[in-house]
Amino acid sequence: MTTVSPRWFKSSYSENGGACLEVAANLAVSHGVVPVRDSKNPAGPVLSVPAGAFTGFVSGIKAGEFDTV
């Protein structure tokens, strides 16, 4: 059995004073999830989001579906 470790990254747009998330998109295909964590607390909890839901969320952001103004 092969174990794949998450490869964490955060957006290049994340220079906003520390309120950042990190994702490990490398697990989307092999495990069907995208782990998400707080970049300020890498040893803290991880939320495993189903890959399809994460894709829909990112698409919604790009389409402006969550804009409040």
PDB file of N, CA and C in Angstrom:
ATOM      1  N   MET A   1       0.830  -1.180   0.000  1.00  0.00           N
ATOM      2  CA  MET A   1       0.000   0.000   0.000  1.00  0.00           C
ATOM      3  C   MET A   1       0.875   1.244   0.000  1.00  0.00           C
ATOM      4  N   THR A   2       0.539   2.199  -0.849  1.00  0.00           N
ATOM      5  CA  THR A   2       1.300   3.443  -0.947  1.00  0.00           C
ATOM      6  C   THR A   2       0.608   4.526  -0.130  1.00  0.00           C
ATOM      7  N   THR A   3       1.383   5.218   0.671  1.00  0.00           N
ATOM      8  CA  THR A   3       0.852   6.325   1.459  1.00  0.00           C
ATOM      9  C   THR A   3       1.280   7.625   0.798  1.00  0.00           C
ATOM     10  N   VAL A   4       0.307   8.465   0.500  1.00  0.00           N
ATOM     11  CA  VAL A   4       0.584   9.759  -0.100  1.00  0.00           C
ATOM     12  C   VAL A   4       0.434  10.825   0.972  1.00  0.00           C
ATOM     13  N   SER A   5       1.474  11.614   1.155  1.00  0.00           N
ATOM     14  CA  SER A   5       1.422  12.689   2.143  1.00  0.00           C
ATOM     15  C   SER A   5       0.866  13.954   1.498  1.00  0.00           C
ATOM     16  N   PRO A   6       0.132  14.744   2.260  1.00  0.00           N
ATOM     17  CA  PRO A   6      -0.371  16.001   1.708  1.00  0.00           C
ATOM     18  C   PRO A   6       0.776  16.958   1.396  1.00  0.00           C
ATOM     19  N   ARG A   7       0.678  17.607   0.248  1.00  0.00           N
ATOM     20  CA  ARG A   7       1.630  18.662  -0.118  1.00  0.00           C
ATOM     21  C   ARG A   7       0.883  19.983   0.042  1.00  0.00           C
ATOM     22  N   TRP A   8       1.110  20.644   1.159  1.00  0.00           N
ATOM     23  CA  TRP A   8       0.380  21.847   1.518  1.00  0.00           C
ATOM     24  C   TRP A   8       0.863  23.054   0.729  1.00  0.00           C
ATOM     25  N   PHE A   9      -0.090  23.895   0.324  1.00  0.00           N
ATOM     26  CA  PHE A   9       0.273  25.164  -0.290  1.00  0.00           C
ATOM     27  C   PHE A   9      -0.809  26.186   0.007  1.00  0.00           C
ATOM     28  N   LYS A  10      -0.414  27.455  -0.065  1.00  0.00           N
ATOM     29  CA  LYS A  10      -1.398  28.520   0.059  1.00  0.00           C
ATOM     30  C   LYS A  10      -1.262  29.443  -1.144  1.00  0.00           C
ATOM     31  N   SER A  11      -2.318  30.147  -1.419  1.00  0.00           N
ATOM     32  CA  SER A  11      -2.395  31.009  -2.588  1.00  0.00           C
ATOM     33  C   SER A  11      -1.337  32.111  -2.548  1.00  0.00           C
ATOM     34  N   SER A  12      -0.883  32.509  -3.708  1.00  0.00           N
ATOM     35  CA  SER A  12       0.033  33.645  -3.787  1.00  0.00           C
ATOM     36  C   SER A  12      -0.678  34.945  -3.424  1.00  0.00           C
ATOM     37  N   TYR A  13      -2.005  34.924  -3.351  1.00  0.00           N
ATOM     38  CA  TYR A  13      -2.793  36.088  -2.959  1.00  0.00           C
ATOM     39  C   TYR A  13      -2.970  36.175  -1.443  1.00  0.00           C
ATOM     40  N   SER A  14      -2.301  35.351  -0.695  1.00  0.00           N
ATOM     41  CA  SER A  14      -2.575  35.224   0.732  1.00  0.00           C
ATOM     42  C   SER A  14      -1.772  36.171   1.620  1.00  0.00           C
ATOM     43  N   GLU A  15      -1.239  37.201   1.092  1.00  0.00           N
ATOM     44  CA  GLU A  15      -0.485  38.169   1.902  1.00  0.00           C
ATOM     45  C   GLU A  15      -1.446  39.168   2.543  1.00  0.00           C
ATOM     46  N   ASN A  16      -2.406  38.676   3.326  1.00  0.00           N
ATOM     47  CA  ASN A  16      -3.448  39.518   3.886  1.00  0.00           C
ATOM     48  C   ASN A  16      -3.378  39.633   5.402  1.00  0.00           C
ATOM     49  N   GLY A  17      -2.235  39.498   5.956  1.00  0.00           N
ATOM     50  CA  GLY A  17      -2.116  39.637   7.396  1.00  0.00           C
ATOM     51  C   GLY A  17      -2.257  38.352   8.184  1.00  0.00           C
ATOM     52  N   GLY A  18      -2.210  37.220   7.544  1.00  0.00           N
ATOM     53  CA  GLY A  18      -2.184  35.956   8.245  1.00  0.00           C
ATOM     54  C   GLY A  18      -3.471  35.162   8.281  1.00  0.00           C
ATOM     55  N   ALA A  19      -4.539  35.685   7.714  1.00  0.00           N
ATOM     56  CA  ALA A  19      -5.812  34.942   7.710  1.00  0.00           C
ATOM     57  C   ALA A  19      -5.852  34.047   6.474  1.00  0.00           C
ATOM     58  N   CYS A  20      -5.025  33.015   6.466  1.00  0.00           N
ATOM     59  CA  CYS A  20      -4.845  32.194   5.269  1.00  0.00           C
ATOM     60  C   CYS A  20      -5.224  30.739   5.528  1.00  0.00           C
ATOM     61  N   LEU A  21      -5.595  30.094   4.460  1.00  0.00           N
ATOM     62  CA  LEU A  21      -5.826  28.657   4.463  1.00  0.00           C
ATOM     63  C   LEU A  21      -4.768  27.999   3.605  1.00  0.00           C
ATOM     64  N   GLU A  22      -4.465  26.765   3.922  1.00  0.00           N
ATOM     65  CA  GLU A  22      -3.608  25.940   3.085  1.00  0.00           C
ATOM     66  C   GLU A  22      -4.434  24.752   2.621  1.00  0.00           C
ATOM     67  N   VAL A  23      -4.172  24.299   1.405  1.00  0.00           N
ATOM     68  CA  VAL A  23      -4.851  23.126   0.868  1.00  0.00           C
ATOM     69  C   VAL A  23      -3.818  22.136   0.376  1.00  0.00           C
ATOM     70  N   ALA A  24      -4.214  20.879   0.309  1.00  0.00           N
ATOM     71  CA  ALA A  24      -3.362  19.818  -0.226  1.00  0.00           C
ATOM     72  C   ALA A  24      -4.115  19.170  -1.386  1.00  0.00           C
ATOM     73  N   ALA A  25      -4.101  19.844  -2.517  1.00  0.00           N
ATOM     74  CA  ALA A  25      -4.864  19.393  -3.686  1.00  0.00           C
ATOM     75  C   ALA A  25      -4.321  18.094  -4.278  1.00  0.00           C
ATOM     76  N   ASN A  26      -3.113  17.697  -3.903  1.00  0.00           N
ATOM     77  CA  ASN A  26      -2.539  16.474  -4.466  1.00  0.00           C
ATOM     78  C   ASN A  26      -3.307  15.216  -4.054  1.00  0.00           C
ATOM     79  N   LEU A  27      -4.192  15.318  -3.069  1.00  0.00           N
ATOM     80  CA  LEU A  27      -4.951  14.148  -2.633  1.00  0.00           C
ATOM     81  C   LEU A  27      -6.324  14.050  -3.302  1.00  0.00           C
ATOM     82  N   ALA A  28      -6.671  15.016  -4.140  1.00  0.00           N
ATOM     83  CA  ALA A  28      -8.000  15.038  -4.763  1.00  0.00           C
ATOM     84  C   ALA A  28      -8.242  13.800  -5.623  1.00  0.00           C
ATOM     85  N   VAL A  29      -7.305  13.447  -6.463  1.00  0.00           N
ATOM     86  CA  VAL A  29      -7.505  12.315  -7.369  1.00  0.00           C
ATOM     87  C   VAL A  29      -7.343  10.982  -6.636  1.00  0.00           C
ATOM     88  N   SER A  30      -6.286  10.839  -5.855  1.00  0.00           N
ATOM     89  CA  SER A  30      -6.007   9.553  -5.225  1.00  0.00           C
ATOM     90  C   SER A  30      -6.929   9.220  -4.050  1.00  0.00           C
ATOM     91  N   HIS A  31      -7.418  10.242  -3.335  1.00  0.00           N
ATOM     92  CA  HIS A  31      -8.235   9.991  -2.149  1.00  0.00           C
ATOM     93  C   HIS A  31      -9.630  10.611  -2.225  1.00  0.00           C
ATOM     94  N   GLY A  32      -9.873  11.438  -3.230  1.00  0.00           N
ATOM     95  CA  GLY A  32     -11.189  12.054  -3.395  1.00  0.00           C
ATOM     96  C   GLY A  32     -11.496  13.160  -2.411  1.00  0.00           C
ATOM     97  N   VAL A  33     -10.470  13.690  -1.748  1.00  0.00           N
ATOM     98  CA  VAL A  33     -10.651  14.781  -0.791  1.00  0.00           C
ATOM     99  C   VAL A  33      -9.594  15.856  -1.009  1.00  0.00           C
ATOM    100  N   VAL A  34      -9.931  17.060  -0.541  1.00  0.00           N
ATOM    101  CA  VAL A  34      -8.966  18.163  -0.512  1.00  0.00           C
ATOM    102  C   VAL A  34      -8.874  18.609   0.945  1.00  0.00           C
ATOM    103  N   PRO A  35      -7.792  18.248   1.621  1.00  0.00           N
ATOM    104  CA  PRO A  35      -7.619  18.686   3.005  1.00  0.00           C
ATOM    105  C   PRO A  35      -7.370  20.202   3.060  1.00  0.00           C
ATOM    106  N   VAL A  36      -7.949  20.840   4.079  1.00  0.00           N
ATOM    107  CA  VAL A  36      -7.811  22.288   4.269  1.00  0.00           C
ATOM    108  C   VAL A  36      -7.425  22.515   5.724  1.00  0.00           C
ATOM    109  N   ARG A  37      -6.477  23.451   5.952  1.00  0.00           N
ATOM    110  CA  ARG A  37      -6.075  23.766   7.322  1.00  0.00           C
ATOM    111  C   ARG A  37      -5.739  25.252   7.436  1.00  0.00           C
ATOM    112  N   ASP A  38      -5.662  25.717   8.655  1.00  0.00           N
ATOM    113  CA  ASP A  38      -5.280  27.090   8.967  1.00  0.00           C
ATOM    114  C   ASP A  38      -3.760  27.193   8.861  1.00  0.00           C
ATOM    115  N   SER A  39      -3.277  28.125   8.043  1.00  0.00           N
ATOM    116  CA  SER A  39      -1.826  28.230   7.846  1.00  0.00           C
ATOM    117  C   SER A  39      -1.098  28.677   9.105  1.00  0.00           C
ATOM    118  N   LYS A  40      -1.788  29.332  10.026  1.00  0.00           N
ATOM    119  CA  LYS A  40      -1.155  29.761  11.272  1.00  0.00           C
ATOM    120  C   LYS A  40      -1.017  28.625  12.277  1.00  0.00           C
ATOM    121  N   ASN A  41      -1.734  27.524  12.044  1.00  0.00           N
ATOM    122  CA  ASN A  41      -1.721  26.403  12.976  1.00  0.00           C
ATOM    123  C   ASN A  41      -1.578  25.084  12.205  1.00  0.00           C
ATOM    124  N   PRO A  42      -0.419  24.850  11.593  1.00  0.00           N
ATOM    125  CA  PRO A  42      -0.260  23.654  10.762  1.00  0.00           C
ATOM    126  C   PRO A  42      -0.394  22.337  11.520  1.00  0.00           C
ATOM    127  N   ALA A  43      -0.246  22.354  12.833  1.00  0.00           N
ATOM    128  CA  ALA A  43      -0.415  21.129  13.622  1.00  0.00           C
ATOM    129  C   ALA A  43      -1.862  20.965  14.100  1.00  0.00           C
ATOM    130  N   GLY A  44      -2.702  21.937  13.766  1.00  0.00           N
ATOM    131  CA  GLY A  44      -4.086  21.916  14.219  1.00  0.00           C
ATOM    132  C   GLY A  44      -4.967  21.022  13.373  1.00  0.00           C
ATOM    133  N   PRO A  45      -6.281  21.175  13.528  1.00  0.00           N
ATOM    134  CA  PRO A  45      -7.229  20.309  12.822  1.00  0.00           C
ATOM    135  C   PRO A  45      -7.211  20.517  11.311  1.00  0.00           C
ATOM    136  N   VAL A  46      -7.584  19.476  10.600  1.00  0.00           N
ATOM    137  CA  VAL A  46      -7.662  19.497   9.138  1.00  0.00           C
ATOM    138  C   VAL A  46      -9.086  19.136   8.746  1.00  0.00           C
ATOM    139  N   LEU A  47      -9.646  19.916   7.851  1.00  0.00           N
ATOM    140  CA  LEU A  47     -10.976  19.645   7.320  1.00  0.00           C
ATOM    141  C   LEU A  47     -10.800  18.953   5.974  1.00  0.00           C
ATOM    142  N   SER A  48     -11.325  17.757   5.814  1.00  0.00           N
ATOM    143  CA  SER A  48     -11.241  17.027   4.549  1.00  0.00           C
ATOM    144  C   SER A  48     -12.523  17.260   3.757  1.00  0.00           C
ATOM    145  N   VAL A  49     -12.412  18.045   2.693  1.00  0.00           N
ATOM    146  CA  VAL A  49     -13.556  18.417   1.861  1.00  0.00           C
ATOM    147  C   VAL A  49     -13.613  17.476   0.657  1.00  0.00           C
ATOM    148  N   PRO A  50     -14.777  16.922   0.335  1.00  0.00           N
ATOM    149  CA  PRO A  50     -14.870  16.105  -0.877  1.00  0.00           C
ATOM    150  C   PRO A  50     -14.394  16.899  -2.096  1.00  0.00           C
ATOM    151  N   ALA A  51     -13.636  16.248  -2.961  1.00  0.00           N
ATOM    152  CA  ALA A  51     -13.013  16.937  -4.100  1.00  0.00           C
ATOM    153  C   ALA A  51     -14.042  17.663  -4.961  1.00  0.00           C
ATOM    154  N   GLY A  52     -15.186  17.043  -5.225  1.00  0.00           N
ATOM    155  CA  GLY A  52     -16.210  17.687  -6.044  1.00  0.00           C
ATOM    156  C   GLY A  52     -16.766  18.942  -5.396  1.00  0.00           C
ATOM    157  N   ALA A  53     -16.958  18.902  -4.088  1.00  0.00           N
ATOM    158  CA  ALA A  53     -17.450  20.070  -3.360  1.00  0.00           C
ATOM    159  C   ALA A  53     -16.422  21.193  -3.385  1.00  0.00           C
ATOM    160  N   PHE A  54     -15.148  20.845  -3.239  1.00  0.00           N
ATOM    161  CA  PHE A  54     -14.103  21.863  -3.274  1.00  0.00           C
ATOM    162  C   PHE A  54     -14.023  22.503  -4.660  1.00  0.00           C
ATOM    163  N   THR A  55     -14.127  21.691  -5.703  1.00  0.00           N
ATOM    164  CA  THR A  55     -14.123  22.217  -7.072  1.00  0.00           C
ATOM    165  C   THR A  55     -15.293  23.169  -7.282  1.00  0.00           C
ATOM    166  N   GLY A  56     -16.478  22.787  -6.799  1.00  0.00           N
ATOM    167  CA  GLY A  56     -17.644  23.657  -6.905  1.00  0.00           C
ATOM    168  C   GLY A  56     -17.467  24.958  -6.148  1.00  0.00           C
ATOM    169  N   PHE A  57     -16.860  24.891  -4.977  1.00  0.00           N
ATOM    170  CA  PHE A  57     -16.599  26.086  -4.172  1.00  0.00           C
ATOM    171  C   PHE A  57     -15.660  27.042  -4.906  1.00  0.00           C
ATOM    172  N   VAL A  58     -14.565  26.523  -5.433  1.00  0.00           N
ATOM    173  CA  VAL A  58     -13.608  27.363  -6.157  1.00  0.00           C
ATOM    174  C   VAL A  58     -14.265  27.962  -7.405  1.00  0.00           C
ATOM    175  N   SER A  59     -15.050  27.172  -8.122  1.00  0.00           N
ATOM    176  CA  SER A  59     -15.762  27.689  -9.293  1.00  0.00           C
ATOM    177  C   SER A  59     -16.713  28.817  -8.895  1.00  0.00           C
ATOM    178  N   GLY A  60     -17.403  28.643  -7.771  1.00  0.00           N
ATOM    179  CA  GLY A  60     -18.304  29.679  -7.283  1.00  0.00           C
ATOM    180  C   GLY A  60     -17.588  30.964  -6.931  1.00  0.00           C
ATOM    181  N   ILE A  61     -16.414  30.833  -6.324  1.00  0.00           N
ATOM    182  CA  ILE A  61     -15.616  32.024  -6.005  1.00  0.00           C
ATOM    183  C   ILE A  61     -15.242  32.753  -7.294  1.00  0.00           C
ATOM    184  N   LYS A  62     -14.739  32.009  -8.269  1.00  0.00           N
ATOM    185  CA  LYS A  62     -14.329  32.619  -9.533  1.00  0.00           C
ATOM    186  C   LYS A  62     -15.491  33.275 -10.266  1.00  0.00           C
ATOM    187  N   ALA A  63     -16.692  32.726 -10.094  1.00  0.00           N
ATOM    188  CA  ALA A  63     -17.881  33.267 -10.768  1.00  0.00           C
ATOM    189  C   ALA A  63     -18.509  34.429  -9.986  1.00  0.00           C
ATOM    190  N   GLY A  64     -17.968  34.731  -8.811  1.00  0.00           N
ATOM    191  CA  GLY A  64     -18.494  35.826  -8.011  1.00  0.00           C
ATOM    192  C   GLY A  64     -19.750  35.483  -7.222  1.00  0.00           C
ATOM    193  N   GLU A  65     -20.045  34.210  -7.067  1.00  0.00           N
ATOM    194  CA  GLU A  65     -21.262  33.787  -6.366  1.00  0.00           C
ATOM    195  C   GLU A  65     -21.279  34.155  -4.889  1.00  0.00           C
ATOM    196  N   PHE A  66     -20.128  34.411  -4.306  1.00  0.00           N
ATOM    197  CA  PHE A  66     -20.057  34.710  -2.886  1.00  0.00           C
ATOM    198  C   PHE A  66     -19.738  36.172  -2.601  1.00  0.00           C
ATOM    199  N   ASP A  67     -19.737  37.008  -3.638  1.00  0.00           N
ATOM    200  CA  ASP A  67     -19.486  38.425  -3.448  1.00  0.00           C
ATOM    201  C   ASP A  67     -20.605  39.040  -2.610  1.00  0.00           C
ATOM    202  N   THR A  68     -20.248  39.881  -1.685  1.00  0.00           N
ATOM    203  CA  THR A  68     -21.256  40.494  -0.816  1.00  0.00           C
ATOM    204  C   THR A  68     -21.523  41.943  -1.176  1.00  0.00           C
ATOM    205  N   VAL A  69     -20.779  42.483  -2.075  1.00  0.00           N
ATOM    206  CA  VAL A  69     -20.966  43.887  -2.465  1.00  0.00           C
ATOM    207  C   VAL A  69     -21.517  43.989  -3.855  1.00  0.00           C
TER     208      VAL A  69
END
